Amino acid sequence: MMPHTIGFQYRGPELFCEDVPVSVIAQEVGTPCYLYSYAGLEAPFRAYDQALAGLPHLICFSAKANANLAVLRTFVNLGGGVDVVSYGELYRARQAGAEPRKIVYAGVGKTDWEIAQALNEDILLFNAESPQELRRIDEVAGRVGRRARVALRVNPDVDPRTHPYIATGMKQSKFGIDIRRALEEYHLAAQLPHLEVIGVDCHIGSQLTELDPFLEAFGKVRELIKLVRDEGITIEYLDVGGGLGIRYLDEAPPRPEEYGEAVRGLVEGLGCTLILEPGRSLVGSAGVLLTRVLYTKETEAKSFVIVDAAMNDLLRPTLYGAHHEIVPVRKGRRETKVVSVVGPVCESGDFNARPRAAEVMVREERFAVVRSRETYEDLVRGEALPSFLQ
């Protein structure tokens, strides 16, 4: 098996995705391209599902992790829902066949138009992030003649022990309502005429590699649910978000089975339907970026390998200093040396006119392009030269 992936393995010197040689895909589709294993998507979803067997639950894949229609449809076909943070993601989820009552709408910046569209789709619920948002959803629901089902996203002020840019559950974060003020905001929500309060939501961050932050946060939320119910407010859903990490180098994150069992121990007996919103842990180990070497270059200071994938194709190393394993499509008996693998974009932060890469999914011995490579015409579609520049 190739390190840190599911569905990819070497057979002799040749790298395969399931039963297809990766070199065949490189030849037929071209590079760079993103390559996904169906088996690599299915396995972690089923692991979460089985870990929560017997407990009412809904696994809503976090579309921000990968919004490709084929990826979304894979999880929809497995019985999952979708967690979205924009109407664009909601539109994609519906195009992929997601049931509206299995869609959860999160995010701090919902516009009036997006709220109205989601209400007209009759989604399961909104995760509301602030008192202003609660009032706005109520106003929009009144205008379109509907009642909006809402959960309040609470911020438990728990350190998730992850990169600060993807920590979302500490008091300095833009996300959620301070858990110490949450009861007050539940009172507000319960009084607004076009809202139906049905849940509580808590998401503390991404790429978490320990269970303790989850347990600390969910323990606080459990206590909040009791207080809210004592006030006569119904809580039907407990949304515990996502955030479970994957292995990039030497991390040892809990497996979905371990996470599921830990969550089960905290929510059993609450009488809630549990909503999970995993993203990275469902897709991060199921795909690779396939790229081709263009040149090698030697300087006095460094050796470079220049490939045809750029930072716009793989942003995490530039954005987070993240590690991604690099392996050959064909192993060979060659001398090894330390090199810097670089792409063609001029500098960090550069915005460039490069067509977006193709996307391919493999299932057993079959593969299909699930997103065509962008063309140069696509790069300027929707643009126009004004008359004063003619």
Protein backbone atom coordinates (compact mmCIF):
# COMPACT_ATOMS: atom_id res chain seq x y z
CA MET A 1 0.00 0.00 0.00
CA MET A 2 1.14 3.54 -0.72
CA PRO A 3 1.71 5.54 2.51
CA HIS A 4 -1.30 7.30 4.06
CA THR A 5 -3.81 6.47 1.32
CA ILE A 6 -6.74 4.10 0.81
CA GLY A 7 -7.25 2.49 -2.60
CA PHE A 8 -3.72 3.10 -3.89
CA GLN A 9 -1.02 0.41 -3.86
CA TYR A 10 2.05 -0.74 -5.70
CA ARG A 11 1.92 -3.94 -7.73
CA GLY A 12 5.54 -4.61 -8.45
CA PRO A 13 7.05 -1.28 -9.56
CA GLU A 14 3.72 0.10 -10.81
CA LEU A 15 1.36 2.31 -8.76
CA PHE A 16 -2.31 1.35 -9.08
CA CYS A 17 -5.50 3.11 -8.08
CA GLU A 18 -7.69 0.13 -7.24
CA ASP A 19 -7.29 -2.03 -10.39
CA VAL A 20 -6.13 0.70 -12.80
CA PRO A 21 -2.47 1.58 -13.37
CA VAL A 22 -2.01 5.26 -12.56
CA SER A 23 0.29 5.59 -15.58
CA VAL A 24 -2.64 4.71 -17.85
CA ILE A 25 -4.69 7.58 -16.40
CA ALA A 26 -1.75 9.97 -16.80
CA GLN A 27 -1.43 8.95 -20.43
CA GLU A 28 -5.14 9.12 -21.30
CA VAL A 29 -6.26 12.12 -19.22
CA GLY A 30 -3.05 14.10 -18.96
CA THR A 31 -1.52 15.90 -16.01
CA PRO A 32 -1.99 17.53 -13.63
CA CYS A 33 -5.15 15.77 -12.48
CA TYR A 34 -6.82 14.80 -9.24
CA LEU A 35 -7.42 11.07 -8.91
CA TYR A 36 -9.96 9.61 -6.46
CA SER A 37 -10.52 6.04 -5.32
CA TYR A 38 -14.15 5.06 -4.79
CA ALA A 39 -13.06 2.44 -2.26
CA GLY A 40 -11.05 5.10 -0.43
CA LEU A 41 -14.20 7.22 -0.10
CA GLU A 42 -16.50 4.35 0.89
CA ALA A 43 -14.34 2.80 3.61
CA PRO A 44 -14.20 5.70 6.13
CA PHE A 45 -17.89 6.54 5.59
CA ARG A 46 -18.86 2.97 6.45
CA ALA A 47 -16.49 3.04 9.44
CA TYR A 48 -18.29 6.09 10.89
CA ASP A 49 -21.68 4.57 10.10
CA GLN A 50 -20.88 1.25 11.77
CA ALA A 51 -19.35 2.95 14.83
CA LEU A 52 -22.71 4.67 15.42
CA ALA A 53 -24.92 1.67 14.62
CA GLY A 54 -28.03 1.60 16.80
CA LEU A 55 -27.77 5.34 17.55
CA PRO A 56 -29.98 7.71 15.51
CA HIS A 57 -27.51 9.58 13.33
CA LEU A 58 -26.91 11.35 10.04
CA ILE A 59 -23.47 11.67 8.43
CA CYS A 60 -23.36 14.95 6.49
CA PHE A 61 -20.21 15.14 4.38
CA SER A 62 -18.61 18.58 4.63
CA ALA A 63 -18.72 19.76 1.02
CA LYS A 64 -15.91 22.26 1.55
CA ALA A 65 -13.51 19.30 1.67
CA ASN A 66 -14.32 18.30 -1.93
CA ALA A 67 -17.44 19.47 -3.76
CA ASN A 68 -17.02 17.37 -6.90
CA LEU A 69 -20.42 15.98 -7.94
CA ALA A 70 -19.16 12.40 -8.17
CA VAL A 71 -17.67 12.61 -4.68
CA LEU A 72 -20.91 14.05 -3.30
CA ARG A 73 -22.98 11.39 -5.08
CA THR A 74 -20.80 8.65 -3.60
CA PHE A 75 -21.76 9.70 -0.07
CA VAL A 76 -25.38 10.36 -1.01
CA ASN A 77 -25.63 6.83 -2.40
CA LEU A 78 -24.24 5.52 0.90
CA GLY A 79 -27.10 7.22 2.76
CA GLY A 80 -25.30 10.39 3.76
CA GLY A 81 -26.27 14.03 3.75
CA VAL A 82 -24.23 17.16 3.06
CA ASP A 83 -22.96 20.02 5.23
CA VAL A 84 -22.81 23.23 3.17
CA VAL A 85 -21.57 26.77 3.83
CA SER A 86 -22.88 28.54 0.70
CA TYR A 87 -25.71 28.30 -1.77
CA GLY A 88 -23.16 27.16 -4.35
CA GLU A 89 -22.44 24.11 -2.22
CA LEU A 90 -26.16 23.61 -1.61
CA TYR A 91 -26.77 23.73 -5.38
CA ARG A 92 -24.02 21.19 -5.94
CA ALA A 93 -25.43 18.92 -3.23
CA ARG A 94 -28.87 18.98 -4.86
CA GLN A 95 -27.36 18.34 -8.31
CA ALA A 96 -25.63 15.31 -6.80
CA GLY A 97 -28.99 13.98 -5.56
CA ALA A 98 -28.82 14.93 -1.88
CA GLU A 99 -32.19 14.98 -0.13
CA PRO A 100 -33.05 18.46 1.22
CA ARG A 101 -33.87 17.01 4.65
CA LYS A 102 -30.30 15.68 4.78
CA ILE A 103 -28.67 19.06 4.16
CA VAL A 104 -27.33 21.25 6.98
CA TYR A 105 -26.41 24.88 6.22
CA ALA A 106 -23.53 26.29 8.30
CA GLY A 107 -21.21 29.31 7.87
CA VAL A 108 -21.00 32.79 9.34
CA GLY A 109 -21.90 34.81 6.22
CA LYS A 110 -25.26 33.65 4.85
CA THR A 111 -26.92 36.28 2.64
CA ASP A 112 -30.66 36.97 2.52
CA TRP A 113 -30.88 35.43 -0.95
CA GLU A 114 -29.03 32.29 0.14
CA ILE A 115 -31.26 31.92 3.21
CA ALA A 116 -34.39 32.27 1.05
CA GLN A 117 -33.13 29.71 -1.46
CA ALA A 118 -32.33 27.22 1.31
CA LEU A 119 -35.76 27.75 2.87
CA ASN A 120 -37.43 27.12 -0.48
CA GLU A 121 -35.41 23.91 -0.80
CA ASP A 122 -36.75 22.90 2.67
CA ILE A 123 -33.35 21.88 4.06
CA LEU A 124 -33.07 20.10 7.41
CA LEU A 125 -31.72 23.08 9.39
CA PHE A 126 -29.52 26.14 9.58
CA ASN A 127 -26.66 26.27 12.05
CA ALA A 128 -26.97 29.89 13.23
CA GLU A 129 -23.78 31.62 14.34
CA SER A 130 -24.96 34.87 15.99
CA PRO A 131 -28.00 36.75 17.38
CA GLN A 132 -28.02 38.97 14.27
CA GLU A 133 -28.15 35.91 12.06
CA LEU A 134 -31.05 34.46 14.07
CA ARG A 135 -33.01 37.67 13.49
CA ARG A 136 -32.08 37.73 9.81
CA ILE A 137 -33.19 34.13 9.23
CA ASP A 138 -36.46 34.93 11.03
CA GLU A 139 -37.04 38.00 8.82
CA VAL A 140 -36.32 36.13 5.59
CA ALA A 141 -38.47 33.18 6.64
CA GLY A 142 -41.34 35.58 7.30
CA ARG A 143 -40.95 37.15 3.84
CA VAL A 144 -41.04 33.79 2.04
CA GLY A 145 -43.82 32.39 4.22
CA ARG A 146 -41.89 29.59 5.89
CA ARG A 147 -40.60 28.57 9.32
CA ALA A 148 -36.89 28.03 9.50
CA ARG A 149 -35.53 25.09 11.47
CA VAL A 150 -32.41 26.20 13.34
CA ALA A 151 -29.71 24.94 15.63
CA LEU A 152 -27.45 27.37 17.47
CA ARG A 153 -23.75 26.88 16.92
CA VAL A 154 -22.04 27.30 20.26
CA ASN A 155 -18.39 28.08 20.85
CA PRO A 156 -17.16 26.06 23.85
CA ASP A 157 -13.74 27.80 24.12
CA VAL A 158 -11.79 24.54 23.78
CA ASP A 159 -8.27 24.42 22.36
CA PRO A 160 -8.38 21.86 19.52
CA ARG A 161 -4.56 21.63 19.39
CA THR A 162 -4.39 22.14 15.64
CA HIS A 163 -3.15 24.82 13.23
CA PRO A 164 -4.53 28.21 14.39
CA TYR A 165 -6.07 28.91 10.97
CA ILE A 166 -8.33 25.87 11.26
CA ALA A 167 -9.19 26.18 14.96
CA THR A 168 -12.83 27.24 15.24
CA GLY A 169 -13.92 26.54 18.81
CA MET A 170 -11.89 29.04 20.87
CA LYS A 171 -13.29 32.31 22.20
CA GLN A 172 -11.23 34.44 19.76
CA SER A 173 -12.70 32.56 16.78
CA LYS A 174 -15.28 34.14 14.46
CA PHE A 175 -17.44 31.03 14.74
CA GLY A 176 -20.37 30.32 17.03
CA ILE A 177 -21.99 31.85 20.09
CA ASP A 178 -20.11 31.92 23.39
CA ILE A 179 -21.44 28.93 25.27
CA ARG A 180 -21.79 31.08 28.40
CA ARG A 181 -24.31 33.26 26.52
CA ALA A 182 -25.98 30.44 24.65
CA LEU A 183 -28.99 30.05 26.96
CA GLU A 184 -29.82 33.74 26.49
CA GLU A 185 -29.70 33.34 22.70
CA TYR A 186 -31.87 30.22 22.85
CA HIS A 187 -34.48 32.36 24.63
CA LEU A 188 -34.26 34.89 21.78
CA ALA A 189 -34.59 32.21 19.11
CA ALA A 190 -37.56 30.60 20.83
CA GLN A 191 -39.42 33.94 20.78
CA LEU A 192 -38.87 34.69 17.09
CA PRO A 193 -42.10 33.80 15.24
CA HIS A 194 -40.64 32.28 12.08
CA LEU A 195 -38.02 30.06 13.72
CA GLU A 196 -38.32 26.51 14.99
CA VAL A 197 -35.47 25.75 17.39
CA ILE A 198 -34.55 22.07 17.07
CA GLY A 199 -30.86 21.65 17.83
CA VAL A 200 -27.42 22.60 19.03
CA ASP A 201 -24.22 22.56 17.01
CA CYS A 202 -20.55 22.53 18.01
CA HIS A 203 -17.50 22.31 15.74
CA ILE A 204 -14.08 23.09 17.22
CA GLY A 205 -11.65 22.76 14.29
CA SER A 206 -10.04 20.58 11.65
CA GLN A 207 -7.18 18.09 11.50
CA LEU A 208 -7.60 17.14 15.16
CA THR A 209 -5.38 14.23 16.17
CA GLU A 210 -6.55 13.70 19.76
CA LEU A 211 -9.92 12.81 21.27
CA ASP A 212 -9.60 14.92 24.42
CA PRO A 213 -10.63 18.26 22.80
CA PHE A 214 -13.73 16.61 21.33
CA LEU A 215 -14.66 15.09 24.68
CA GLU A 216 -14.15 18.36 26.54
CA ALA A 217 -16.32 20.28 24.06
CA PHE A 218 -19.10 17.69 23.89
CA GLY A 219 -19.21 17.47 27.67
CA LYS A 220 -19.95 21.22 27.81
CA VAL A 221 -22.59 20.89 25.09
CA ARG A 222 -24.27 18.02 26.93
CA GLU A 223 -24.70 20.25 29.97
CA LEU A 224 -26.08 23.05 27.79
CA ILE A 225 -28.70 20.74 26.30
CA LYS A 226 -29.99 19.94 29.78
CA LEU A 227 -30.25 23.65 30.65
CA VAL A 228 -32.03 24.48 27.39
CA ARG A 229 -34.52 21.66 27.83
CA ASP A 230 -35.19 22.79 31.39
CA GLU A 231 -36.41 26.06 29.82
CA GLY A 232 -38.95 24.13 27.74
CA ILE A 233 -37.02 24.41 24.45
CA THR A 234 -36.90 21.28 22.31
CA ILE A 235 -33.55 19.87 21.21
CA GLU A 236 -33.98 17.12 18.63
CA TYR A 237 -30.56 17.27 16.94
CA LEU A 238 -27.04 17.39 18.28
CA ASP A 239 -24.58 18.39 15.56
CA VAL A 240 -21.05 17.55 16.69
CA GLY A 241 -19.39 18.81 13.50
CA GLY A 242 -16.35 17.12 12.03
CA GLY A 243 -12.65 17.77 12.38
CA LEU A 244 -11.08 14.33 12.79
CA GLY A 245 -7.58 14.43 11.32
CA ILE A 246 -5.78 12.16 8.89
CA ARG A 247 -2.18 11.05 8.58
CA TYR A 248 0.12 13.17 6.40
CA LEU A 249 3.49 12.23 7.90
CA ASP A 250 3.78 10.79 11.40
CA GLU A 251 0.43 11.84 12.92
CA ALA A 252 -1.60 9.14 14.64
CA PRO A 253 -5.18 10.46 14.71
CA PRO A 254 -8.00 8.36 16.17
CA ARG A 255 -9.76 6.12 13.69
CA PRO A 256 -13.42 6.81 12.86
CA GLU A 257 -14.31 3.77 14.96
CA GLU A 258 -12.58 5.23 18.03
CA TYR A 259 -14.08 8.67 17.47
CA GLY A 260 -17.55 7.18 17.00
CA GLU A 261 -17.34 5.17 20.17
CA ALA A 262 -16.17 8.20 22.16
CA VAL A 263 -19.04 10.31 20.82
CA ARG A 264 -21.52 7.51 21.50
CA GLY A 265 -20.52 7.47 25.14
CA LEU A 266 -21.37 11.17 25.48
CA VAL A 267 -24.64 11.33 23.56
CA GLU A 268 -26.35 8.07 24.44
CA GLY A 269 -29.37 8.78 26.60
CA LEU A 270 -29.80 12.37 25.36
CA GLY A 271 -32.63 11.42 23.02
CA CYS A 272 -31.11 13.37 20.12
CA THR A 273 -30.40 12.47 16.55
CA LEU A 274 -26.66 12.89 16.12
CA ILE A 275 -25.31 14.80 13.10
CA LEU A 276 -21.67 14.30 12.10
CA GLU A 277 -19.97 16.55 9.54
CA PRO A 278 -16.70 14.81 8.57
CA GLY A 279 -14.80 16.22 5.63
CA ARG A 280 -11.06 15.63 5.42
CA SER A 281 -11.33 12.24 7.17
CA LEU A 282 -13.67 11.00 4.41
CA VAL A 283 -11.75 12.27 1.38
CA GLY A 284 -8.20 13.21 2.40
CA SER A 285 -6.78 9.70 2.12
CA ALA A 286 -8.79 8.75 -0.96
CA GLY A 287 -7.10 10.90 -3.58
CA VAL A 288 -3.82 12.03 -5.09
CA LEU A 289 -2.64 14.88 -7.28
CA LEU A 290 -1.03 13.32 -10.32
CA THR A 291 1.75 15.47 -11.83
CA ARG A 292 4.56 15.08 -14.34
CA VAL A 293 8.21 16.16 -14.18
CA LEU A 294 9.00 18.88 -16.72
CA TYR A 295 12.60 19.74 -15.90
CA THR A 296 15.38 19.29 -13.40
CA LYS A 297 17.59 22.19 -12.46
CA GLU A 298 20.82 22.44 -10.49
CA THR A 299 22.12 25.56 -8.76
CA GLU A 300 24.99 26.01 -6.34
CA ALA A 301 22.54 26.04 -3.45
CA LYS A 302 19.81 23.56 -4.43
CA SER A 303 18.54 20.88 -6.74
CA PHE A 304 15.08 21.42 -8.20
CA VAL A 305 12.52 19.15 -9.80
CA ILE A 306 10.00 21.25 -11.74
CA VAL A 307 6.57 19.65 -12.22
CA ASP A 308 3.44 20.68 -14.11
CA ALA A 309 1.25 21.06 -11.00
CA ALA A 310 1.38 24.43 -9.26
CA MET A 311 0.46 25.96 -5.93
CA ASN A 312 -3.07 26.63 -7.20
CA ASP A 313 -3.43 22.85 -7.60
CA LEU A 314 -2.02 22.06 -4.13
CA LEU A 315 -2.28 25.10 -1.86
CA ARG A 316 -1.80 23.56 1.59
CA PRO A 317 2.03 23.50 1.58
CA THR A 318 2.08 27.24 0.77
CA LEU A 319 -0.83 28.19 3.02
CA TYR A 320 -0.07 26.02 6.06
CA GLY A 321 3.45 24.72 5.51
CA ALA A 322 1.78 21.32 5.20
CA HIS A 323 3.52 18.04 4.35
CA HIS A 324 2.30 15.94 1.43
CA GLU A 325 4.04 12.69 0.56
CA ILE A 326 5.51 12.45 -2.96
CA VAL A 327 5.84 9.02 -4.56
CA PRO A 328 6.69 7.84 -8.10
CA VAL A 329 4.12 6.35 -10.46
CA ARG A 330 6.77 3.80 -11.38
CA LYS A 331 9.47 2.73 -8.95
CA GLY A 332 12.96 2.43 -10.36
CA ARG A 333 16.45 1.61 -9.20
CA ARG A 334 17.80 5.10 -9.23
CA GLU A 335 20.13 7.15 -7.10
CA THR A 336 18.24 9.16 -4.47
CA LYS A 337 18.95 12.76 -3.53
CA VAL A 338 17.27 15.63 -1.67
CA VAL A 339 15.51 18.04 -4.03
CA SER A 340 12.96 20.84 -3.92
CA VAL A 341 9.85 19.91 -5.89
CA VAL A 342 8.41 23.11 -7.36
CA GLY A 343 5.71 24.18 -9.79
CA PRO A 344 5.53 26.78 -12.58
CA VAL A 345 3.76 29.60 -10.70
CA CYS A 346 6.04 32.61 -10.29
CA GLU A 347 5.79 33.30 -6.56
CA SER A 348 3.82 32.53 -3.41
CA GLY A 349 0.43 34.19 -3.45
CA ASP A 350 0.51 34.59 -7.25
CA PHE A 351 -2.87 34.62 -9.00
CA ASN A 352 -2.29 32.94 -12.39
CA ALA A 353 -4.06 32.12 -15.67
CA ARG A 354 -3.81 28.35 -15.46
CA PRO A 355 -6.68 26.04 -16.46
CA ARG A 356 -7.93 23.99 -13.53
CA ALA A 357 -6.91 20.33 -13.44
CA ALA A 358 -9.10 17.45 -14.51
CA GLU A 359 -10.65 15.14 -11.89
CA VAL A 360 -10.89 11.37 -12.25
CA MET A 361 -12.60 8.67 -10.17
CA VAL A 362 -11.69 4.99 -10.20
CA ARG A 363 -13.92 2.11 -9.12
CA GLU A 364 -12.28 -1.29 -9.39
CA GLU A 365 -11.10 -1.67 -13.00
CA ARG A 366 -13.08 1.31 -14.38
CA PHE A 367 -12.26 5.00 -14.39
CA ALA A 368 -14.03 8.13 -15.60
CA VAL A 369 -13.27 11.82 -15.90
CA VAL A 370 -15.63 13.42 -13.36
CA ARG A 371 -14.57 16.97 -14.14
CA SER A 372 -13.13 17.94 -17.50
CA ARG A 373 -9.89 19.86 -17.66
CA GLU A 374 -10.60 23.57 -17.90
CA THR A 375 -9.89 25.15 -21.28
CA TYR A 376 -8.25 28.49 -22.00
CA GLU A 377 -11.60 29.74 -23.25
CA ASP A 378 -13.02 28.88 -19.82
CA LEU A 379 -10.49 31.25 -18.25
CA VAL A 380 -12.13 34.30 -19.86
CA ARG A 381 -15.73 33.11 -19.96
CA GLY A 382 -17.99 35.79 -18.46
CA GLU A 383 -15.49 38.59 -19.03
CA ALA A 384 -15.94 41.45 -21.53
CA LEU A 385 -13.94 44.45 -22.70
CA PRO A 386 -15.79 47.72 -21.97
CA SER A 387 -16.58 50.06 -24.85
CA PHE A 388 -14.16 52.70 -23.57
CA LEU A 389 -11.26 50.28 -24.15
CA GLN A 390 -12.23 49.45 -27.75
